[in-house]
C-alpha cells in the first residue's frame, strides 16, 4: 500500500519465501550471484511442475492401467503424475482402478528455490 500511495519501490531482503511470494518481482541470489529473477509466478512456472499424487489398494492394477493409458508416472511411494493445468479431471476420469488417495500439488516458491540452488 505504501508503495502504491507514494509511487516508490520497496526493497526487501528475506530468507522467508512466504514473504517473497507477496512481492511483485523477486531476485534469487545464491553464493553471491543472481540465479533467477521475475515474478514469483514466472519463477514457479518455469521450474516446477504441478503434479497429482494417487494410490490404490491394488497398486499392480493401477500401475498397469497408468502404463496402458500412456500416463507418465513415478512411484514416490504414491504414484506421481505430472499435470498440465486443467488435466486433473481428465486424468482422474480416465483411471478406472478404485483410488484410495488423491492429492494435487501446486508448485511453491520454496520448490522453485530448491530446484534453482540444486538442493532438491
PDB file of N, CA and C in Angstrom:
ATOM      1  N   UNK A   1       0.823  -1.196   0.000  1.00  0.00           N
ATOM      2  CA  UNK A   1       0.000   0.000   0.000  1.00  0.00           C
ATOM      3  C   UNK A   1       0.863   1.255   0.000  1.00  0.00           C
ATOM      4  N   UNK A   2       1.924   1.237   0.802  1.00  0.00           N
ATOM      5  CA  UNK A   2       2.817   2.395   0.873  1.00  0.00           C
ATOM      6  C   UNK A   2       3.435   2.652  -0.494  1.00  0.00           C
ATOM      7  N   UNK A   3       3.848   1.589  -1.156  1.00  0.00           N
ATOM      8  CA  UNK A   3       4.477   1.718  -2.472  1.00  0.00           C
ATOM      9  C   UNK A   3       3.523   2.352  -3.472  1.00  0.00           C
ATOM     10  N   UNK A   4       2.270   1.907  -3.473  1.00  0.00           N
ATOM     11  CA  UNK A   4       1.284   2.433  -4.420  1.00  0.00           C
ATOM     12  C   UNK A   4       0.950   3.892  -4.129  1.00  0.00           C
ATOM     13  N   UNK A   5       0.783   4.214  -2.856  1.00  0.00           N
ATOM     14  CA  UNK A   5       0.420   5.580  -2.480  1.00  0.00           C
ATOM     15  C   UNK A   5       1.515   6.581  -2.810  1.00  0.00           C
ATOM     16  N   UNK A   6       2.761   6.199  -2.597  1.00  0.00           N
ATOM     17  CA  UNK A   6       3.874   7.129  -2.767  1.00  0.00           C
ATOM     18  C   UNK A   6       4.637   6.942  -4.072  1.00  0.00           C
ATOM     19  N   UNK A   7       4.269   5.948  -4.862  1.00  0.00           N
ATOM     20  CA  UNK A   7       4.976   5.701  -6.116  1.00  0.00           C
ATOM     21  C   UNK A   7       6.429   5.322  -5.906  1.00  0.00           C
ATOM     22  N   UNK A   8       6.687   4.563  -4.871  1.00  0.00           N
ATOM     23  CA  UNK A   8       8.062   4.190  -4.545  1.00  0.00           C
ATOM     24  C   UNK A   8       8.272   2.685  -4.696  1.00  0.00           C
ATOM     25  N   UNK A   9       9.520   2.312  -4.641  1.00  0.00           N
ATOM     26  CA  UNK A   9       9.890   0.902  -4.671  1.00  0.00           C
ATOM     27  C   UNK A   9      10.339   0.497  -3.283  1.00  0.00           C
ATOM     28  N   UNK A  10       9.881  -0.642  -2.838  1.00  0.00           N
ATOM     29  CA  UNK A  10      10.305  -1.177  -1.551  1.00  0.00           C
ATOM     30  C   UNK A  10      11.245  -2.338  -1.839  1.00  0.00           C
ATOM     31  N   UNK A  11      12.458  -2.252  -1.312  1.00  0.00           N
ATOM     32  CA  UNK A  11      13.451  -3.306  -1.486  1.00  0.00           C
ATOM     33  C   UNK A  11      13.510  -4.097  -0.188  1.00  0.00           C
ATOM     34  N   UNK A  12      13.227  -5.377  -0.270  1.00  0.00           N
ATOM     35  CA  UNK A  12      13.185  -6.228   0.918  1.00  0.00           C
ATOM     36  C   UNK A  12      14.103  -7.416   0.703  1.00  0.00           C
ATOM     37  N   UNK A  13      14.933  -7.679   1.672  1.00  0.00           N
ATOM     38  CA  UNK A  13      15.746  -8.892   1.624  1.00  0.00           C
ATOM     39  C   UNK A  13      15.224  -9.832   2.701  1.00  0.00           C
ATOM     40  N   UNK A  14      15.039 -11.093   2.343  1.00  0.00           N
ATOM     41  CA  UNK A  14      14.447 -12.036   3.287  1.00  0.00           C
ATOM     42  C   UNK A  14      14.914 -13.454   2.995  1.00  0.00           C
ATOM     43  N   UNK A  15      14.909 -14.251   4.018  1.00  0.00           N
ATOM     44  CA  UNK A  15      15.145 -15.688   3.868  1.00  0.00           C
ATOM     45  C   UNK A  15      13.824 -16.446   3.957  1.00  0.00           C
ATOM     46  N   UNK A  16      12.737 -15.709   4.178  1.00  0.00           N
ATOM     47  CA  UNK A  16      11.418 -16.321   4.308  1.00  0.00           C
ATOM     48  C   UNK A  16      10.710 -16.273   2.957  1.00  0.00           C
ATOM     49  N   UNK A  17      10.578 -17.419   2.331  1.00  0.00           N
ATOM     50  CA  UNK A  17       9.987 -17.462   0.997  1.00  0.00           C
ATOM     51  C   UNK A  17       8.509 -17.104   1.006  1.00  0.00           C
ATOM     52  N   UNK A  18       7.845 -17.252   2.154  1.00  0.00           N
ATOM     53  CA  UNK A  18       6.439 -16.836   2.257  1.00  0.00           C
ATOM     54  C   UNK A  18       6.331 -15.325   2.052  1.00  0.00           C
ATOM     55  N   UNK A  19       7.319 -14.577   2.550  1.00  0.00           N
ATOM     56  CA  UNK A  19       7.328 -13.124   2.338  1.00  0.00           C
ATOM     57  C   UNK A  19       7.609 -12.794   0.872  1.00  0.00           C
ATOM     58  N   UNK A  20       8.522 -13.514   0.271  1.00  0.00           N
ATOM     59  CA  UNK A  20       8.875 -13.267  -1.132  1.00  0.00           C
ATOM     60  C   UNK A  20       7.699 -13.547  -2.067  1.00  0.00           C
ATOM     61  N   UNK A  21       6.833 -14.485  -1.696  1.00  0.00           N
ATOM     62  CA  UNK A  21       5.647 -14.807  -2.513  1.00  0.00           C
ATOM     63  C   UNK A  21       4.764 -13.576  -2.721  1.00  0.00           C
ATOM     64  N   UNK A  22       4.795 -12.625  -1.791  1.00  0.00           N
ATOM     65  CA  UNK A  22       3.933 -11.449  -1.849  1.00  0.00           C
ATOM     66  C   UNK A  22       4.506 -10.329  -2.716  1.00  0.00           C
ATOM     67  N   UNK A  23       5.739 -10.473  -3.155  1.00  0.00           N
ATOM     68  CA  UNK A  23       6.391  -9.413  -3.924  1.00  0.00           C
ATOM     69  C   UNK A  23       5.920  -9.392  -5.374  1.00  0.00           C
ATOM     70  N   UNK A  24       6.024  -8.213  -5.994  1.00  0.00           N
ATOM     71  CA  UNK A  24       5.714  -8.082  -7.420  1.00  0.00           C
ATOM     72  C   UNK A  24       6.811  -8.720  -8.264  1.00  0.00           C
ATOM     73  N   UNK A  25       8.034  -8.578  -7.808  1.00  0.00           N
ATOM     74  CA  UNK A  25       9.191  -9.097  -8.529  1.00  0.00           C
ATOM     75  C   UNK A  25      10.212  -9.568  -7.502  1.00  0.00           C
ATOM     76  N   UNK A  26      10.882 -10.683  -7.813  1.00  0.00           N
ATOM     77  CA  UNK A  26      11.891 -11.181  -6.882  1.00  0.00           C
ATOM     78  C   UNK A  26      13.171 -11.516  -7.641  1.00  0.00           C
ATOM     79  N   UNK A  27      14.240 -11.550  -6.892  1.00  0.00           N
ATOM     80  CA  UNK A  27      15.548 -11.909  -7.416  1.00  0.00           C
ATOM     81  C   UNK A  27      16.130 -12.918  -6.437  1.00  0.00           C
ATOM     82  N   UNK A  28      16.529 -14.073  -6.932  1.00  0.00           N
ATOM     83  CA  UNK A  28      17.110 -15.101  -6.072  1.00  0.00           C
ATOM     84  C   UNK A  28      18.618 -15.071  -6.265  1.00  0.00           C
ATOM     85  N   UNK A  29      19.328 -14.919  -5.146  1.00  0.00           N
ATOM     86  CA  UNK A  29      20.786 -14.853  -5.157  1.00  0.00           C
ATOM     87  C   UNK A  29      21.315 -16.085  -4.440  1.00  0.00           C
ATOM     88  N   UNK A  30      22.261 -16.765  -5.066  1.00  0.00           N
ATOM     89  CA  UNK A  30      22.880 -17.941  -4.465  1.00  0.00           C
ATOM     90  C   UNK A  30      24.393 -17.784  -4.568  1.00  0.00           C
ATOM     91  N   UNK A  31      25.064 -17.830  -3.440  1.00  0.00           N
ATOM     92  CA  UNK A  31      26.528 -17.701  -3.378  1.00  0.00           C
ATOM     93  C   UNK A  31      27.001 -16.418  -4.060  1.00  0.00           C
ATOM     94  N   UNK A  32      26.257 -15.335  -3.831  1.00  0.00           N
ATOM     95  CA  UNK A  32      26.639 -14.028  -4.337  1.00  0.00           C
ATOM     96  C   UNK A  32      26.288 -13.746  -5.784  1.00  0.00           C
ATOM     97  N   UNK A  33      25.617 -14.670  -6.451  1.00  0.00           N
ATOM     98  CA  UNK A  33      25.262 -14.473  -7.853  1.00  0.00           C
ATOM     99  C   UNK A  33      23.755 -14.546  -8.044  1.00  0.00           C
ATOM    100  N   UNK A  34      23.227 -13.696  -8.929  1.00  0.00           N
ATOM    101  CA  UNK A  34      21.806 -13.745  -9.269  1.00  0.00           C
ATOM    102  C   UNK A  34      21.576 -15.000 -10.102  1.00  0.00           C
ATOM    103  N   UNK A  35      20.709 -15.876  -9.611  1.00  0.00           N
ATOM    104  CA  UNK A  35      20.445 -17.133 -10.319  1.00  0.00           C
ATOM    105  C   UNK A  35      19.054 -17.172 -10.933  1.00  0.00           C
ATOM    106  N   UNK A  36      18.180 -16.259 -10.523  1.00  0.00           N
ATOM    107  CA  UNK A  36      16.842 -16.195 -11.107  1.00  0.00           C
ATOM    108  C   UNK A  36      16.185 -14.883 -10.714  1.00  0.00           C
ATOM    109  N   UNK A  37      15.345 -14.376 -11.615  1.00  0.00           N
ATOM    110  CA  UNK A  37      14.557 -13.191 -11.271  1.00  0.00           C
ATOM    111  C   UNK A  37      13.306 -13.155 -12.130  1.00  0.00           C
ATOM    112  N   UNK A  38      12.280 -12.533 -11.586  1.00  0.00           N
ATOM    113  CA  UNK A  38      10.988 -12.437 -12.247  1.00  0.00           C
ATOM    114  C   UNK A  38       9.902 -12.376 -11.195  1.00  0.00           C
ATOM    115  N   UNK A  39       8.667 -12.534 -11.612  1.00  0.00           N
ATOM    116  CA  UNK A  39       7.583 -12.587 -10.634  1.00  0.00           C
ATOM    117  C   UNK A  39       7.613 -13.965  -9.981  1.00  0.00           C
ATOM    118  N   UNK A  40       7.066 -14.095  -8.780  1.00  0.00           N
ATOM    119  CA  UNK A  40       7.015 -15.423  -8.169  1.00  0.00           C
ATOM    120  C   UNK A  40       6.327 -16.450  -9.072  1.00  0.00           C
ATOM    121  N   UNK A  41       5.257 -16.034  -9.746  1.00  0.00           N
ATOM    122  CA  UNK A  41       4.534 -16.959 -10.634  1.00  0.00           C
ATOM    123  C   UNK A  41       5.406 -17.409 -11.802  1.00  0.00           C
ATOM    124  N   UNK A  42       6.174 -16.489 -12.383  1.00  0.00           N
ATOM    125  CA  UNK A  42       7.052 -16.844 -13.501  1.00  0.00           C
ATOM    126  C   UNK A  42       8.118 -17.838 -13.067  1.00  0.00           C
ATOM    127  N   UNK A  43       8.718 -17.586 -11.937  1.00  0.00           N
ATOM    128  CA  UNK A  43       9.788 -18.459 -11.452  1.00  0.00           C
ATOM    129  C   UNK A  43       9.250 -19.853 -11.161  1.00  0.00           C
ATOM    130  N   UNK A  44       8.090 -19.919 -10.535  1.00  0.00           N
ATOM    131  CA  UNK A  44       7.496 -21.231 -10.239  1.00  0.00           C
ATOM    132  C   UNK A  44       7.125 -21.968 -11.519  1.00  0.00           C
ATOM    133  N   UNK A  45       6.526 -21.270 -12.469  1.00  0.00           N
ATOM    134  CA  UNK A  45       6.058 -21.910 -13.706  1.00  0.00           C
ATOM    135  C   UNK A  45       7.212 -22.436 -14.554  1.00  0.00           C
ATOM    136  N   UNK A  46       8.335 -21.746 -14.539  1.00  0.00           N
ATOM    137  CA  UNK A  46       9.472 -22.155 -15.356  1.00  0.00           C
ATOM    138  C   UNK A  46      10.199 -23.364 -14.791  1.00  0.00           C
ATOM    139  N   UNK A  47      10.124 -23.565 -13.494  1.00  0.00           N
ATOM    140  CA  UNK A  47      10.985 -24.564 -12.877  1.00  0.00           C
ATOM    141  C   UNK A  47      10.283 -25.761 -12.262  1.00  0.00           C
ATOM    142  N   UNK A  48       9.060 -25.602 -11.850  1.00  0.00           N
ATOM    143  CA  UNK A  48       8.407 -26.664 -11.093  1.00  0.00           C
ATOM    144  C   UNK A  48       7.077 -27.002 -11.743  1.00  0.00           C
ATOM    145  N   UNK A  49       6.796 -28.274 -11.851  1.00  0.00           N
ATOM    146  CA  UNK A  49       5.546 -28.696 -12.471  1.00  0.00           C
ATOM    147  C   UNK A  49       4.503 -29.044 -11.413  1.00  0.00           C
ATOM    148  N   UNK A  50       3.273 -28.859 -11.795  1.00  0.00           N
ATOM    149  CA  UNK A  50       2.162 -29.303 -10.958  1.00  0.00           C
ATOM    150  C   UNK A  50       2.063 -30.816 -11.139  1.00  0.00           C
ATOM    151  N   UNK A  51       1.743 -31.517 -10.059  1.00  0.00           N
ATOM    152  CA  UNK A  51       1.604 -32.959 -10.201  1.00  0.00           C
ATOM    153  C   UNK A  51       0.464 -33.483  -9.352  1.00  0.00           C
ATOM    154  N   UNK A  52       0.073 -34.704  -9.675  1.00  0.00           N
ATOM    155  CA  UNK A  52      -1.016 -35.398  -8.999  1.00  0.00           C
ATOM    156  C   UNK A  52      -0.435 -36.615  -8.307  1.00  0.00           C
ATOM    157  N   UNK A  53      -0.770 -36.792  -7.028  1.00  0.00           N
ATOM    158  CA  UNK A  53      -0.388 -37.997  -6.290  1.00  0.00           C
ATOM    159  C   UNK A  53      -1.626 -38.858  -6.133  1.00  0.00           C
ATOM    160  N   UNK A  54      -1.514 -40.119  -6.527  1.00  0.00           N
ATOM    161  CA  UNK A  54      -2.634 -41.048  -6.375  1.00  0.00           C
ATOM    162  C   UNK A  54      -2.106 -42.375  -5.857  1.00  0.00           C
ATOM    163  N   UNK A  55      -3.004 -43.160  -5.293  1.00  0.00           N
ATOM    164  CA  UNK A  55      -2.651 -44.507  -4.852  1.00  0.00           C
ATOM    165  C   UNK A  55      -3.910 -45.349  -4.850  1.00  0.00           C
ATOM    166  N   UNK A  56      -3.709 -46.650  -4.804  1.00  0.00           N
ATOM    167  CA  UNK A  56      -4.830 -47.588  -4.816  1.00  0.00           C
ATOM    168  C   UNK A  56      -4.461 -48.795  -3.980  1.00  0.00           C
ATOM    169  N   UNK A  57      -5.477 -49.456  -3.475  1.00  0.00           N
ATOM    170  CA  UNK A  57      -5.238 -50.689  -2.735  1.00  0.00           C
ATOM    171  C   UNK A  57      -4.585 -51.718  -3.652  1.00  0.00           C
ATOM    172  N   UNK A  58      -5.070 -51.791  -4.887  1.00  0.00           N
ATOM    173  CA  UNK A  58      -4.496 -52.702  -5.878  1.00  0.00           C
ATOM    174  C   UNK A  58      -3.478 -51.918  -6.716  1.00  0.00           C
ATOM    175  N   UNK A  59      -2.279 -51.794  -6.174  1.00  0.00           N
ATOM    176  CA  UNK A  59      -1.234 -50.997  -6.819  1.00  0.00           C
ATOM    177  C   UNK A  59      -0.796 -51.582  -8.160  1.00  0.00           C
ATOM    178  N   UNK A  60      -0.783 -52.894  -8.260  1.00  0.00           N
ATOM    179  CA  UNK A  60      -0.384 -53.536  -9.520  1.00  0.00           C
ATOM    180  C   UNK A  60      -1.372 -53.178 -10.632  1.00  0.00           C
ATOM    181  N   UNK A  61      -2.657 -53.182 -10.312  1.00  0.00           N
ATOM    182  CA  UNK A  61      -3.675 -52.830 -11.309  1.00  0.00           C
ATOM    183  C   UNK A  61      -3.538 -51.367 -11.717  1.00  0.00           C
ATOM    184  N   UNK A  62      -3.290 -50.492 -10.749  1.00  0.00           N
ATOM    185  CA  UNK A  62      -3.128 -49.071 -11.061  1.00  0.00           C
ATOM    186  C   UNK A  62      -1.883 -48.856 -11.923  1.00  0.00           C
ATOM    187  N   UNK A  63      -0.787 -49.496 -11.565  1.00  0.00           N
ATOM    188  CA  UNK A  63       0.444 -49.384 -12.346  1.00  0.00           C
ATOM    189  C   UNK A  63       0.205 -49.821 -13.795  1.00  0.00           C
ATOM    190  N   UNK A  64      -0.469 -50.966 -13.960  1.00  0.00           N
ATOM    191  CA  UNK A  64      -0.758 -51.485 -15.306  1.00  0.00           C
ATOM    192  C   UNK A  64      -1.669 -50.527 -16.077  1.00  0.00           C
ATOM    193  N   UNK A  65      -2.665 -49.972 -15.392  1.00  0.00           N
ATOM    194  CA  UNK A  65      -3.597 -49.063 -16.065  1.00  0.00           C
ATOM    195  C   UNK A  65      -2.907 -47.767 -16.495  1.00  0.00           C
ATOM    196  N   UNK A  66      -2.080 -47.218 -15.629  1.00  0.00           N
ATOM    197  CA  UNK A  66      -1.355 -45.995 -15.984  1.00  0.00           C
ATOM    198  C   UNK A  66      -0.440 -46.238 -17.185  1.00  0.00           C
ATOM    199  N   UNK A  67       0.198 -47.387 -17.198  1.00  0.00           N
ATOM    200  CA  UNK A  67       1.060 -47.748 -18.330  1.00  0.00           C
ATOM    201  C   UNK A  67       0.229 -47.893 -19.602  1.00  0.00           C
ATOM    202  N   UNK A  68      -0.909 -48.569 -19.499  1.00  0.00           N
ATOM    203  CA  UNK A  68      -1.796 -48.765 -20.652  1.00  0.00           C
ATOM    204  C   UNK A  68      -2.325 -47.432 -21.195  1.00  0.00           C
ATOM    205  N   UNK A  69      -2.591 -46.491 -20.296  1.00  0.00           N
ATOM    206  CA  UNK A  69      -3.096 -45.172 -20.698  1.00  0.00           C
ATOM    207  C   UNK A  69      -1.974 -44.237 -21.175  1.00  0.00           C
ATOM    208  N   UNK A  70      -0.741 -44.720 -21.143  1.00  0.00           N
ATOM    209  CA  UNK A  70       0.429 -43.932 -21.548  1.00  0.00           C
ATOM    210  C   UNK A  70       0.573 -42.669 -20.703  1.00  0.00           C
ATOM    211  N   UNK A  71       0.240 -42.789 -19.415  1.00  0.00           N
ATOM    212  CA  UNK A  71       0.405 -41.671 -18.491  1.00  0.00           C
ATOM    213  C   UNK A  71       1.760 -41.825 -17.800  1.00  0.00           C
ATOM    214  N   UNK A  72       2.651 -40.859 -17.958  1.00  0.00           N
ATOM    215  CA  UNK A  72       3.950 -40.967 -17.291  1.00  0.00           C
ATOM    216  C   UNK A  72       3.774 -40.855 -15.783  1.00  0.00           C
ATOM    217  N   UNK A  73       4.531 -41.653 -15.041  1.00  0.00           N
ATOM    218  CA  UNK A  73       4.427 -41.615 -13.583  1.00  0.00           C
ATOM    219  C   UNK A  73       5.721 -42.102 -12.960  1.00  0.00           C
ATOM    220  N   UNK A  74       5.897 -41.721 -11.695  1.00  0.00           N
ATOM    221  CA  UNK A  74       6.946 -42.284 -10.859  1.00  0.00           C
ATOM    222  C   UNK A  74       6.285 -42.694  -9.559  1.00  0.00           C
ATOM    223  N   UNK A  75       6.874 -43.643  -8.869  1.00  0.00           N
ATOM    224  CA  UNK A  75       6.345 -44.071  -7.570  1.00  0.00           C
ATOM    225  C   UNK A  75       7.215 -43.446  -6.492  1.00  0.00           C
ATOM    226  N   UNK A  76       6.581 -42.661  -5.602  1.00  0.00           N
ATOM    227  CA  UNK A  76       7.343 -41.838  -4.647  1.00  0.00           C
ATOM    228  C   UNK A  76       6.849 -41.834  -3.205  1.00  0.00           C
ATOM    229  N   UNK A  77       6.306 -42.695  -2.483  1.00  0.00           N
ATOM    230  CA  UNK A  77       5.862 -44.039  -2.820  1.00  0.00           C
ATOM    231  C   UNK A  77       4.509 -44.054  -3.519  1.00  0.00           C
ATOM    232  N   UNK A  78       3.716 -42.967  -3.422  1.00  0.00           N
ATOM    233  CA  UNK A  78       2.477 -42.930  -4.210  1.00  0.00           C
ATOM    234  C   UNK A  78       2.849 -42.785  -5.682  1.00  0.00           C
ATOM    235  N   UNK A  79       1.863 -42.873  -6.539  1.00  0.00           N
ATOM    236  CA  UNK A  79       2.081 -42.663  -7.962  1.00  0.00           C
ATOM    237  C   UNK A  79       2.023 -41.161  -8.226  1.00  0.00           C
ATOM    238  N   UNK A  80       3.094 -40.629  -8.774  1.00  0.00           N
ATOM    239  CA  UNK A  80       3.199 -39.188  -9.048  1.00  0.00           C
ATOM    240  C   UNK A  80       3.103 -38.977 -10.553  1.00  0.00           C
ATOM    241  N   UNK A  81       2.085 -38.207 -10.962  1.00  0.00           N
ATOM    242  CA  UNK A  81       1.844 -37.946 -12.382  1.00  0.00           C
ATOM    243  C   UNK A  81       1.983 -36.456 -12.653  1.00  0.00           C
ATOM    244  N   UNK A  82       2.863 -36.053 -13.573  1.00  0.00           N
ATOM    245  CA  UNK A  82       2.946 -34.634 -13.930  1.00  0.00           C
ATOM    246  C   UNK A  82       1.662 -34.201 -14.629  1.00  0.00           C
ATOM    247  N   UNK A  83       1.255 -32.967 -14.366  1.00  0.00           N
ATOM    248  CA  UNK A  83      -0.001 -32.468 -14.940  1.00  0.00           C
ATOM    249  C   UNK A  83       0.195 -31.160 -15.667  1.00  0.00           C
ATOM    250  N   UNK A  84      -0.592 -30.971 -16.694  1.00  0.00           N
ATOM    251  CA  UNK A  84      -0.756 -29.659 -17.299  1.00  0.00           C
ATOM    252  C   UNK A  84      -1.987 -29.056 -16.642  1.00  0.00           C
ATOM    253  N   UNK A  85      -2.068 -27.745 -16.603  1.00  0.00           N
ATOM    254  CA  UNK A  85      -3.215 -27.089 -15.994  1.00  0.00           C
ATOM    255  C   UNK A  85      -4.508 -27.593 -16.624  1.00  0.00           C
ATOM    256  N   UNK A  86      -5.456 -27.957 -15.802  1.00  0.00           N
ATOM    257  CA  UNK A  86      -6.752 -28.411 -16.287  1.00  0.00           C
ATOM    258  C   UNK A  86      -6.828 -29.885 -16.605  1.00  0.00           C
ATOM    259  N   UNK A  87      -5.727 -30.610 -16.486  1.00  0.00           N
ATOM    260  CA  UNK A  87      -5.716 -32.026 -16.860  1.00  0.00           C
ATOM    261  C   UNK A  87      -6.121 -32.952 -15.715  1.00  0.00           C
ATOM    262  N   UNK A  88      -6.324 -32.424 -14.538  1.00  0.00           N
ATOM    263  CA  UNK A  88      -6.604 -33.259 -13.371  1.00  0.00           C
ATOM    264  C   UNK A  88      -7.878 -34.070 -13.564  1.00  0.00           C
ATOM    265  N   UNK A  89      -8.961 -33.417 -13.938  1.00  0.00           N
ATOM    266  CA  UNK A  89     -10.241 -34.118 -14.081  1.00  0.00           C
ATOM    267  C   UNK A  89     -10.191 -35.169 -15.179  1.00  0.00           C
ATOM    268  N   UNK A  90      -9.589 -34.838 -16.296  1.00  0.00           N
ATOM    269  CA  UNK A  90      -9.496 -35.802 -17.402  1.00  0.00           C
ATOM    270  C   UNK A  90      -8.665 -37.009 -16.994  1.00  0.00           C
ATOM    271  N   UNK A  91      -7.594 -36.773 -16.267  1.00  0.00           N
ATOM    272  CA  UNK A  91      -6.739 -37.873 -15.816  1.00  0.00           C
ATOM    273  C   UNK A  91      -7.488 -38.776 -14.856  1.00  0.00           C
ATOM    274  N   UNK A  92      -8.142 -38.185 -13.866  1.00  0.00           N
ATOM    275  CA  UNK A  92      -8.876 -38.991 -12.885  1.00  0.00           C
ATOM    276  C   UNK A  92     -10.041 -39.735 -13.527  1.00  0.00           C
ATOM    277  N   UNK A  93     -10.682 -39.109 -14.490  1.00  0.00           N
ATOM    278  CA  UNK A  93     -11.813 -39.738 -15.170  1.00  0.00           C
ATOM    279  C   UNK A  93     -11.360 -40.952 -15.983  1.00  0.00           C
ATOM    280  N   UNK A  94     -10.150 -40.900 -16.519  1.00  0.00           N
ATOM    281  CA  UNK A  94      -9.633 -41.993 -17.347  1.00  0.00           C
ATOM    282  C   UNK A  94      -9.239 -43.218 -16.523  1.00  0.00           C
ATOM    283  N   UNK A  95      -8.954 -43.021 -15.246  1.00  0.00           N
ATOM    284  CA  UNK A  95      -8.499 -44.123 -14.390  1.00  0.00           C
ATOM    285  C   UNK A  95      -9.701 -44.856 -13.817  1.00  0.00           C
ATOM    286  N   UNK A  96      -9.767 -46.155 -14.061  1.00  0.00           N
ATOM    287  CA  UNK A  96     -10.892 -46.961 -13.579  1.00  0.00           C
ATOM    288  C   UNK A  96     -10.586 -47.698 -12.280  1.00  0.00           C
ATOM    289  N   UNK A  97      -9.325 -47.898 -11.964  1.00  0.00           N
ATOM    290  CA  UNK A  97      -8.943 -48.568 -10.718  1.00  0.00           C
ATOM    291  C   UNK A  97      -9.405 -47.711  -9.539  1.00  0.00           C
ATOM    292  N   UNK A  98     -10.106 -48.306  -8.553  1.00  0.00           N
ATOM    293  CA  UNK A  98     -10.538 -47.524  -7.383  1.00  0.00           C
ATOM    294  C   UNK A  98      -9.329 -46.938  -6.641  1.00  0.00           C
ATOM    295  N   UNK A  99      -9.367 -45.637  -6.421  1.00  0.00           N
ATOM    296  CA  UNK A  99      -8.255 -44.946  -5.774  1.00  0.00           C
ATOM    297  C   UNK A  99      -8.500 -44.796  -4.279  1.00  0.00           C
ATOM    298  N   UNK A 100      -7.436 -44.907  -3.511  1.00  0.00           N
ATOM    299  CA  UNK A 100      -7.519 -44.719  -2.061  1.00  0.00           C
ATOM    300  C   UNK A 100      -6.904 -43.393  -1.627  1.00  0.00           C
ATOM    301  N   UNK A 101      -6.191 -42.735  -2.546  1.00  0.00           N
ATOM    302  CA  UNK A 101      -5.509 -41.488  -2.213  1.00  0.00           C
ATOM    303  C   UNK A 101      -5.444 -40.612  -3.458  1.00  0.00           C
ATOM    304  N   UNK A 102      -5.822 -39.346  -3.308  1.00  0.00           N
ATOM    305  CA  UNK A 102      -5.733 -38.372  -4.398  1.00  0.00           C
ATOM    306  C   UNK A 102      -5.328 -37.031  -3.795  1.00  0.00           C
ATOM    307  N   UNK A 103      -4.247 -36.456  -4.312  1.00  0.00           N
ATOM    308  CA  UNK A 103      -3.814 -35.138  -3.846  1.00  0.00           C
ATOM    309  C   UNK A 103      -3.114 -34.420  -4.998  1.00  0.00           C
ATOM    310  N   UNK A 104      -3.441 -33.154  -5.174  1.00  0.00           N
ATOM    311  CA  UNK A 104      -2.732 -32.350  -6.165  1.00  0.00           C
ATOM    312  C   UNK A 104      -1.648 -31.552  -5.457  1.00  0.00           C
ATOM    313  N   UNK A 105      -0.609 -31.239  -6.193  1.00  0.00           N
ATOM    314  CA  UNK A 105       0.469 -30.422  -5.647  1.00  0.00           C
ATOM    315  C   UNK A 105       0.737 -29.274  -6.608  1.00  0.00           C
ATOM    316  N   UNK A 106       0.485 -28.076  -6.139  1.00  0.00           N
ATOM    317  CA  UNK A 106       0.803 -26.879  -6.917  1.00  0.00           C
ATOM    318  C   UNK A 106       2.190 -26.412  -6.486  1.00  0.00           C
ATOM    319  N   UNK A 107       3.017 -25.982  -7.411  1.00  0.00           N
ATOM    320  CA  UNK A 107       4.374 -25.582  -7.060  1.00  0.00           C
ATOM    321  C   UNK A 107       4.391 -24.374  -6.132  1.00  0.00           C
ATOM    322  N   UNK A 108       5.348 -24.381  -5.225  1.00  0.00           N
ATOM    323  CA  UNK A 108       5.547 -23.254  -4.320  1.00  0.00           C
ATOM    324  C   UNK A 108       6.863 -22.575  -4.677  1.00  0.00           C
ATOM    325  N   UNK A 109       7.056 -21.398  -4.156  1.00  0.00           N
ATOM    326  CA  UNK A 109       8.312 -20.699  -4.378  1.00  0.00           C
ATOM    327  C   UNK A 109       9.458 -21.473  -3.729  1.00  0.00           C
ATOM    328  N   UNK A 110       9.177 -22.137  -2.630  1.00  0.00           N
ATOM    329  CA  UNK A 110      10.214 -22.953  -1.984  1.00  0.00           C
ATOM    330  C   UNK A 110      10.650 -24.102  -2.896  1.00  0.00           C
ATOM    331  N   UNK A 111       9.692 -24.753  -3.565  1.00  0.00           N
ATOM    332  CA  UNK A 111      10.029 -25.810  -4.527  1.00  0.00           C
ATOM    333  C   UNK A 111      10.954 -25.256  -5.612  1.00  0.00           C
ATOM    334  N   UNK A 112      10.600 -24.083  -6.143  1.00  0.00           N
ATOM    335  CA  UNK A 112      11.402 -23.467  -7.202  1.00  0.00           C
ATOM    336  C   UNK A 112      12.788 -23.100  -6.687  1.00  0.00           C
ATOM    337  N   UNK A 113      12.849 -22.547  -5.480  1.00  0.00           N
ATOM    338  CA  UNK A 113      14.134 -22.163  -4.894  1.00  0.00           C
ATOM    339  C   UNK A 113      15.048 -23.378  -4.758  1.00  0.00           C
ATOM    340  N   UNK A 114      14.503 -24.467  -4.237  1.00  0.00           N
ATOM    341  CA  UNK A 114      15.313 -25.675  -4.069  1.00  0.00           C
ATOM    342  C   UNK A 114      15.790 -26.214  -5.412  1.00  0.00           C
ATOM    343  N   UNK A 115      14.962 -26.094  -6.425  1.00  0.00           N
ATOM    344  CA  UNK A 115      15.351 -26.516  -7.777  1.00  0.00           C
ATOM    345  C   UNK A 115      16.468 -25.617  -8.315  1.00  0.00           C
ATOM    346  N   UNK A 116      16.348 -24.317  -8.098  1.00  0.00           N
ATOM    347  CA  UNK A 116      17.327 -23.349  -8.605  1.00  0.00           C
ATOM    348  C   UNK A 116      18.697 -23.553  -7.969  1.00  0.00           C
ATOM    349  N   UNK A 117      18.723 -23.696  -6.657  1.00  0.00           N
ATOM    350  CA  UNK A 117      20.016 -23.798  -5.969  1.00  0.00           C
ATOM    351  C   UNK A 117      20.524 -25.236  -5.918  1.00  0.00           C
ATOM    352  N   UNK A 118      19.784 -26.147  -6.529  1.00  0.00           N
ATOM    353  CA  UNK A 118      20.242 -27.523  -6.645  1.00  0.00           C
ATOM    354  C   UNK A 118      20.183 -28.334  -5.378  1.00  0.00           C
ATOM    355  N   UNK A 119      19.258 -28.017  -4.493  1.00  0.00           N
ATOM    356  CA  UNK A 119      19.144 -28.746  -3.234  1.00  0.00           C
ATOM    357  C   UNK A 119      17.967 -29.688  -3.222  1.00  0.00           C
ATOM    358  N   UNK A 120      17.445 -30.030  -4.385  1.00  0.00           N
ATOM    359  CA  UNK A 120      16.292 -30.922  -4.444  1.00  0.00           C
ATOM    360  C   UNK A 120      16.720 -32.289  -4.885  1.00  0.00           C
TER     361      UNK A 120
END
